[in-house]
């Protein structure tokens, strides 16, 4: 029963959120995974961490074409990752129009299990190395390069011929746990199993949390404009509490005609587009948020 309820909630969030996306995602597996995560976030699923992945980077050969133009397996894979992230981030920003800024609540970063050596292995590729790069993205990430790029000197390698590591990848994890998820440093270190050589978090990676100004308590409200409406209108609502929220359009005899919203919503004020093809007549717009209920009569004129 619990699994069925969970699956139903995930399916509902995905279906609701997918309608709100505008990104032009590629057909590759990584881009489609990013599109699915974007839909689940847009649909209000309260999952704290999503993990997506793509393989194929362990090429060693033909990472670029022999003519050195930059095309090849490695370039194509990096292109898919870059485009998938770009479309996802664009969607997060576009979703801000529907309520409290979703883009400010989402950050992402890349992880790889190995780096690459800086020199060609005579097969138009490179072999495994010690150092790599990590990309962090989101409106709450301080843009820039962390580390010291001038020290990434191909003429100053370690004893194995690899680039020298500048930032311990565990410091990125510590930063996310403390500065994003709000853990104490002690708890974050415990999550990483209290290893004896844990580094410090990266202090400037994530922007300081924005202050929240005191506001008057929000009351439950629901309205539609214009009313009467033709085929489209805007539904405005205010929610006093975080709650699973549903908005439905039904006939006056109580038969459900159209589900407009079904997801967990943070407290706040929202404007949601309503498009319908129902015949002319009077309908009931019902709002259920947690234990609170509200309804409005709307008229459709064709």
Protein backbone atom coordinates (compact mmCIF):
# COMPACT_ATOMS: atom_id res chain seq x y z
CA UNK A 1 0.00 0.00 0.00
CA UNK A 2 2.79 2.43 0.92
CA UNK A 3 4.70 1.64 -2.29
CA UNK A 4 1.57 2.19 -4.39
CA UNK A 5 0.94 5.54 -2.69
CA UNK A 6 4.54 6.61 -3.28
CA UNK A 7 4.45 5.53 -6.92
CA UNK A 8 1.19 7.38 -7.44
CA UNK A 9 2.63 10.58 -5.95
CA UNK A 10 5.75 10.36 -8.15
CA UNK A 11 3.64 9.74 -11.26
CA UNK A 12 1.35 12.65 -10.43
CA UNK A 13 4.28 15.01 -9.79
CA UNK A 14 5.93 14.01 -13.05
CA UNK A 15 2.76 14.45 -15.12
CA UNK A 16 2.02 17.83 -13.55
CA UNK A 17 5.58 19.13 -13.81
CA UNK A 18 6.20 17.98 -17.37
CA UNK A 19 3.48 20.35 -18.61
CA UNK A 20 5.39 23.30 -17.15
CA UNK A 21 8.75 22.59 -18.82
CA UNK A 22 9.98 24.60 -21.79
CA UNK A 23 13.50 23.19 -22.20
CA UNK A 24 14.55 21.70 -25.54
CA UNK A 25 16.20 18.54 -24.22
CA UNK A 26 18.21 16.21 -26.44
CA UNK A 27 17.26 12.60 -27.07
CA UNK A 28 20.36 11.18 -25.36
CA UNK A 29 19.95 9.36 -22.05
CA UNK A 30 21.55 12.04 -19.89
CA UNK A 31 19.40 14.86 -21.26
CA UNK A 32 16.24 12.79 -20.81
CA UNK A 33 17.21 12.06 -17.20
CA UNK A 34 17.68 15.77 -16.58
CA UNK A 35 14.27 16.43 -18.14
CA UNK A 36 12.69 13.87 -15.80
CA UNK A 37 14.28 15.46 -12.73
CA UNK A 38 13.13 18.90 -13.89
CA UNK A 39 9.57 17.58 -14.23
CA UNK A 40 9.61 16.04 -10.74
CA UNK A 41 10.89 19.29 -9.23
CA UNK A 42 8.31 21.31 -11.16
CA UNK A 43 5.62 18.89 -9.98
CA UNK A 44 6.51 19.52 -6.34
CA UNK A 45 8.06 16.18 -5.35
CA UNK A 46 9.93 16.80 -2.08
CA UNK A 47 13.00 14.72 -2.88
CA UNK A 48 16.17 16.38 -1.57
CA UNK A 49 18.74 14.68 -3.83
CA UNK A 50 18.46 13.43 -7.39
CA UNK A 51 21.26 11.45 -9.04
CA UNK A 52 21.58 11.04 -12.81
CA UNK A 53 24.46 9.61 -14.75
CA UNK A 54 25.95 8.90 -18.14
CA UNK A 55 28.68 6.50 -19.18
CA UNK A 56 31.00 6.21 -22.11
CA UNK A 57 33.80 8.50 -20.92
CA UNK A 58 36.23 5.63 -20.36
CA UNK A 59 37.26 5.75 -24.01
CA UNK A 60 41.09 5.98 -24.06
CA UNK A 61 40.92 6.07 -27.87
CA UNK A 62 39.37 8.34 -30.50
CA UNK A 63 38.45 11.03 -27.98
CA UNK A 64 39.09 13.45 -30.82
CA UNK A 65 39.42 12.92 -34.55
CA UNK A 66 42.93 12.59 -35.99
CA UNK A 67 42.70 16.01 -37.66
CA UNK A 68 42.40 17.60 -34.20
CA UNK A 69 39.20 19.47 -35.02
CA UNK A 70 37.76 18.71 -31.56
CA UNK A 71 35.01 16.34 -32.64
CA UNK A 72 35.02 12.79 -31.36
CA UNK A 73 33.51 10.62 -28.64
CA UNK A 74 34.74 12.68 -25.69
CA UNK A 75 33.65 15.98 -27.19
CA UNK A 76 30.21 14.63 -28.05
CA UNK A 77 29.70 13.28 -24.54
CA UNK A 78 30.74 16.57 -22.96
CA UNK A 79 28.36 18.33 -25.33
CA UNK A 80 25.46 16.19 -24.14
CA UNK A 81 26.28 16.90 -20.50
CA UNK A 82 26.63 20.62 -21.15
CA UNK A 83 23.36 20.86 -23.09
CA UNK A 84 21.41 18.75 -20.59
CA UNK A 85 22.55 20.99 -17.73
CA UNK A 86 21.81 24.16 -19.73
CA UNK A 87 18.25 23.05 -20.58
CA UNK A 88 17.65 21.98 -16.96
CA UNK A 89 18.89 25.27 -15.51
CA UNK A 90 16.81 27.23 -18.01
CA UNK A 91 13.73 25.32 -16.86
CA UNK A 92 14.48 26.01 -13.20
CA UNK A 93 14.58 29.74 -13.95
CA UNK A 94 11.41 29.62 -16.08
CA UNK A 95 9.56 27.91 -13.20
CA UNK A 96 10.11 30.98 -11.01
CA UNK A 97 7.03 32.55 -12.61
CA UNK A 98 4.77 30.07 -10.81
CA UNK A 99 5.67 30.98 -7.23
CA UNK A 100 8.58 31.28 -4.76
CA UNK A 101 11.80 31.06 -6.76
CA UNK A 102 12.41 27.40 -7.49
CA UNK A 103 15.74 28.25 -9.12
CA UNK A 104 17.13 29.45 -5.78
CA UNK A 105 16.33 26.06 -4.21
CA UNK A 106 18.24 23.89 -6.67
CA UNK A 107 21.97 23.37 -7.13
CA UNK A 108 23.80 20.69 -9.07
CA UNK A 109 27.32 19.41 -9.44
CA UNK A 110 29.16 16.81 -11.45
CA UNK A 111 31.07 13.79 -10.18
CA UNK A 112 33.49 11.53 -12.04
CA UNK A 113 35.20 8.42 -10.80
CA UNK A 114 38.47 9.25 -12.55
CA UNK A 115 40.44 12.07 -14.13
CA UNK A 116 42.40 12.10 -17.36
CA UNK A 117 46.09 12.45 -18.08
CA UNK A 118 47.04 15.58 -20.00
CA UNK A 119 49.07 13.85 -22.72
CA UNK A 120 47.98 11.93 -25.81
CA UNK A 121 48.47 8.16 -25.49
CA UNK A 122 49.17 7.87 -29.25
CA UNK A 123 45.62 6.58 -29.86
CA UNK A 124 43.90 9.95 -30.13
CA UNK A 125 42.96 9.62 -26.49
CA UNK A 126 44.17 9.93 -22.92
CA UNK A 127 44.51 7.46 -20.07
CA UNK A 128 43.24 7.64 -16.49
CA UNK A 129 44.71 10.42 -14.38
CA UNK A 130 44.64 11.72 -10.82
CA UNK A 131 42.95 15.12 -11.22
CA UNK A 132 39.73 16.16 -12.92
CA UNK A 133 37.28 19.07 -12.86
CA UNK A 134 33.94 19.41 -11.13
CA UNK A 135 31.22 21.74 -12.31
CA UNK A 136 28.73 23.28 -9.87
CA UNK A 137 25.70 25.12 -11.23
CA UNK A 138 22.65 27.00 -9.99
CA UNK A 139 21.60 30.54 -9.11
CA UNK A 140 23.03 30.11 -5.60
CA UNK A 141 26.50 29.11 -6.81
CA UNK A 142 29.20 31.78 -6.88
CA UNK A 143 30.47 31.63 -10.44
CA UNK A 144 34.17 31.38 -11.06
CA UNK A 145 37.14 29.06 -11.01
CA UNK A 146 38.21 27.53 -7.71
CA UNK A 147 41.79 26.44 -7.46
CA UNK A 148 44.76 27.99 -9.24
CA UNK A 149 44.59 27.50 -13.02
CA UNK A 150 48.18 28.69 -13.64
CA UNK A 151 49.38 25.77 -11.54
CA UNK A 152 47.72 23.31 -13.92
CA UNK A 153 50.99 23.09 -15.78
CA UNK A 154 51.50 20.18 -18.18
CA UNK A 155 55.21 20.63 -17.63
CA UNK A 156 54.88 20.28 -13.85
CA UNK A 157 53.23 16.92 -13.30
CA UNK A 158 53.41 14.44 -10.43
CA UNK A 159 55.60 11.35 -10.46
CA UNK A 160 52.98 9.40 -12.47
CA UNK A 161 52.68 12.04 -15.16
CA UNK A 162 49.36 13.34 -13.85
CA UNK A 163 48.11 16.84 -13.13
CA UNK A 164 48.55 17.71 -9.47
CA UNK A 165 45.36 17.70 -7.40
CA UNK A 166 44.52 21.13 -5.95
CA UNK A 167 41.12 20.58 -4.29
CA UNK A 168 40.12 17.40 -2.48
CA UNK A 169 36.75 16.34 -3.91
CA UNK A 170 35.51 15.63 -0.38
CA UNK A 171 35.65 19.35 0.35
CA UNK A 172 32.88 19.79 -2.24
CA UNK A 173 30.74 17.24 -0.41
CA UNK A 174 31.42 18.96 2.91
CA UNK A 175 30.45 22.31 1.41
CA UNK A 176 27.15 20.97 0.12
CA UNK A 177 26.33 19.27 3.41
CA UNK A 178 27.10 22.33 5.52
CA UNK A 179 26.32 25.37 3.35
CA UNK A 180 23.40 23.89 1.40
CA UNK A 181 21.77 21.26 3.60
CA UNK A 182 22.58 23.09 6.82
CA UNK A 183 24.47 20.33 8.62
CA UNK A 184 26.98 21.16 11.29
CA UNK A 185 30.57 20.49 10.27
CA UNK A 186 30.71 17.72 12.90
CA UNK A 187 27.66 15.96 11.45
CA UNK A 188 28.93 16.40 7.90
CA UNK A 189 32.26 14.85 8.86
CA UNK A 190 30.38 11.95 10.46
CA UNK A 191 28.48 11.40 7.19
CA UNK A 192 31.85 11.11 5.45
CA UNK A 193 32.90 8.55 8.08
CA UNK A 194 35.22 10.84 10.07
CA UNK A 195 38.22 10.13 7.88
CA UNK A 196 41.40 11.41 9.48
CA UNK A 197 42.43 13.58 6.55
CA UNK A 198 39.14 15.33 5.74
CA UNK A 199 39.68 18.76 4.14
CA UNK A 200 37.80 21.95 4.97
CA UNK A 201 34.67 23.05 3.09
CA UNK A 202 35.05 25.53 0.22
CA UNK A 203 33.87 28.72 1.89
CA UNK A 204 32.88 30.77 -1.16
CA UNK A 205 31.25 28.12 -3.36
CA UNK A 206 27.64 28.68 -2.29
CA UNK A 207 26.15 32.12 -1.76
CA UNK A 208 25.16 33.04 1.79
CA UNK A 209 21.53 32.22 2.55
CA UNK A 210 19.25 35.13 1.74
CA UNK A 211 17.58 36.77 4.71
CA UNK A 212 13.84 36.35 5.14
CA UNK A 213 11.94 39.50 6.05
CA UNK A 214 9.01 39.20 8.46
CA UNK A 215 5.70 39.27 6.64
CA UNK A 216 2.08 39.22 7.63
CA UNK A 217 0.58 35.72 7.98
CA UNK A 218 -0.76 34.35 4.70
CA UNK A 219 -4.42 33.38 4.55
CA UNK A 220 -5.83 30.71 2.25
CA UNK A 221 -7.23 32.35 -0.88
CA UNK A 222 -8.33 31.36 -4.38
CA UNK A 223 -9.37 33.49 -7.35
CA UNK A 224 -9.63 33.30 -11.15
CA UNK A 225 -9.11 36.07 -13.68
CA UNK A 226 -10.84 36.68 -15.99
CA UNK A 227 -14.14 35.27 -14.78
CA UNK A 228 -16.16 34.65 -16.93
CA UNK A 229 -13.39 33.08 -19.01
CA UNK A 230 -13.07 31.71 -22.53
CA UNK A 231 -10.44 28.99 -22.95
CA UNK A 232 -7.71 30.33 -20.65
CA UNK A 233 -7.36 32.21 -17.38
CA UNK A 234 -5.01 32.58 -14.42
CA UNK A 235 -5.66 30.93 -11.07
CA UNK A 236 -4.24 32.88 -8.12
CA UNK A 237 -3.89 31.22 -4.74
CA UNK A 238 -2.20 31.78 -1.41
CA UNK A 239 -1.25 28.95 0.93
CA UNK A 240 -0.59 29.57 4.64
CA UNK A 241 1.29 26.28 5.15
CA UNK A 242 3.45 23.80 3.27
CA UNK A 243 1.01 21.13 2.14
CA UNK A 244 0.01 18.71 -0.60
CA UNK A 245 -2.30 20.84 -2.72
CA UNK A 246 -4.91 19.96 -5.35
CA UNK A 247 -6.95 22.20 -7.62
CA UNK A 248 -9.75 20.63 -9.62
CA UNK A 249 -12.37 21.87 -12.04
CA UNK A 250 -15.70 20.07 -11.72
CA UNK A 251 -19.24 20.37 -12.97
CA UNK A 252 -21.80 21.85 -10.61
CA UNK A 253 -23.08 18.35 -9.79
CA UNK A 254 -19.62 17.44 -8.47
CA UNK A 255 -18.22 15.39 -11.38
CA UNK A 256 -14.51 15.95 -11.89
CA UNK A 257 -13.74 17.57 -15.23
CA UNK A 258 -10.06 18.54 -15.03
CA UNK A 259 -7.19 18.32 -12.55
CA UNK A 260 -5.19 21.54 -12.62
CA UNK A 261 -2.69 20.98 -9.83
CA UNK A 262 -1.64 18.06 -7.63
CA UNK A 263 1.66 18.45 -5.80
CA UNK A 264 3.27 19.50 -2.55
CA UNK A 265 3.54 23.29 -2.38
CA UNK A 266 5.50 25.52 0.01
CA UNK A 267 3.57 28.27 1.77
CA UNK A 268 3.30 31.33 -0.43
CA UNK A 269 1.38 33.00 -3.23
CA UNK A 270 1.15 31.55 -6.74
CA UNK A 271 -0.32 32.23 -10.17
CA UNK A 272 -1.05 29.14 -12.27
CA UNK A 273 -2.30 29.13 -15.87
CA UNK A 274 -5.64 27.41 -16.51
CA UNK A 275 -6.46 26.19 -20.01
CA UNK A 276 -9.64 24.23 -20.62
CA UNK A 277 -11.82 23.08 -23.51
CA UNK A 278 -15.00 22.43 -21.50
CA UNK A 279 -18.35 23.55 -22.95
CA UNK A 280 -19.93 26.84 -21.90
CA UNK A 281 -21.48 26.82 -18.46
CA UNK A 282 -20.84 27.22 -14.74
CA UNK A 283 -18.15 25.14 -13.04
CA UNK A 284 -16.72 24.73 -9.57
CA UNK A 285 -13.02 25.37 -8.98
CA UNK A 286 -11.98 23.53 -5.80
CA UNK A 287 -8.81 24.03 -3.76
CA UNK A 288 -7.66 21.45 -1.20
CA UNK A 289 -4.44 22.20 0.68
CA UNK A 290 -3.77 19.92 3.62
CA UNK A 291 -6.92 20.03 5.72
CA UNK A 292 -8.04 23.39 4.27
CA UNK A 293 -10.75 23.67 1.62
CA UNK A 294 -11.99 26.48 -0.62
CA UNK A 295 -14.06 26.72 -3.82
CA UNK A 296 -15.02 29.33 -6.38
CA UNK A 297 -17.70 29.29 -9.07
CA UNK A 298 -16.37 30.20 -12.51
CA UNK A 299 -18.22 30.65 -15.79
CA UNK A 300 -16.96 29.52 -19.18
CA UNK A 301 -18.24 31.39 -22.25
CA UNK A 302 -17.46 30.06 -25.72
